[in-house]
Amino acid sequence: MIILIIYVAIFSAAFFAVRFGARKFRQMNDFTSLKTVTFGDESAVRPDRWASVISVITIFLLWGAFTGSKWVPIHAPGPFVGDTEFTYTLEAPDGTQDEATVFVRVFNVGETIEDRETTPGDGIAKNDVLSVGAWRSQLLLMDKNDEVTRSDGARVVSVDGQPVEPGQTVRVSDGKVAVTAKGSLNFSPATGMQMEPIWLPPPESVVSRVAEIASEGYQNFTLWEHLFWSLFRVIVGFALGALVGIPLGYAMGLSDWFRGWFDPIVEFMRPVPPLALIPLVIIWAGIGESGKIILLFLAALWIMTISARAGVSGVAISKVHAAYSLGASKWQLMRHVIVPNSLPEIFTGARVAMGVCWGTVVAAELVAAEKGAGMMIMVASRFQLTDIVLMGIILIGIIGYGIDIMMRKAETWLVPWKGKI
């Protein structure tokens, strides 16, 4: 919640700073800036580059600030590390009370430390020492030192002067102490606001993993081999889906018989998520490469079919009549009217299909794959190697974004008439 509030605050501050600050120094007199109607006109609303840059920097700074990264100058309060202490009051069955001090040493997990030393002291409650890792907790068994134990009827009645009962938790200096149902004490040091590395490692850990796996490999394959095989499966599956889906979509858009025959099948399969087909594909095609390609083929097939069908159905009838009035044959009509006007819709569907395939291949590789980005993430998660998991997710996102950019460029190059005819 705190991170979300900070993110919203940065977004609002950046919005007003750019809108009323930086833009005053830029001359907005191009054609797009002069448009007054933007609804339904994609060309009238373009990404603000300032907003994009600030957005990426904000996410990076928040990530680093809440993970204690060395690459970020400002950090959120981190976990307590060092020496602290608290006291507890032990009450014997006869009502006698005595106070003991517990000397605690909190250390970073993975470090080698020496336990603190103390003298037991006099009385029925004895002083004790405790060592606990940051973000962890440690149980204190007073019975090992105290003269009167819980089995004798003794109980802890207060911690740092605060009355307690079994099941209660009290705050002490640099942490909190919980009294368990059986009456023992469990100390948890203050965690601060930073994330534990096992849940979210800092950026430098993820970057170092990229260099390490790129050079040394992971699970018998280098990083580039993992990414290559994932990309290869996506391209082959998408290509097969487009090869079948586009002609099928054209047929459904041009023929009422094809539309009636295949429409129930397409509309039935369209809402079925590709991940739901994994068990069936495994039964039919096994866990080899063919099964993964088939799954990606099915993920792209219905999207490409619907986009091609929508592209054909969206051709203005006036253009068809104009072509016929000029003496165009059916082939010429298809070549010069139907295909050019449907290509923008097909490219939009191709971008969606490629994104779905890229997301599906990761899930497909979670099942008995020997190589691939999804397999790398799955194996790393089993051993709680969060830095490798994050590395895989970031690389998948970057590659997916790169693919989308390339498809946009291809659309601009191959369909320059989009929005003009």
Foldseek 3Di string as FASTA:
>chain_A
DVLVVVLVVLLVVLVCCVVVPVCVVPDPDDPLSPDDDCVPPVVNDDDDVSSVVSNVVSVQQSLCQQQVHPVHPHHFDFADAAKDKKKWWKAAPVGDIDMEMEIEGEAAPPDDDDWDDDFQDDDQFGYYYYYYYAVGKDWDQRVVRGNQHVVNVMAIQDMNPHGDDAQDKDDDPQWIWHQHNSHTIMTHGGGTRHDDCLVRHRPVLLVVVLVCQQPPNDLPHGPVQQAVVLVVLLVLLLVLLLVQQLVLLLCLQPDVVSVVVCVVVLVVLVVPQLLVCLVVLCVVPNLDSVSLSVSLNSLLNSLLSNLNNVQQNPFDVVVVVVCVVVPHDPVRCCVPGSVLSSVVSNLVSSLVSSLSSLVVSLVSCLPPHSGHLNVQLNVCVVVSVVSSNVSSVVVSVVVSVVVSVVSVVVCCVVRVCVPPD
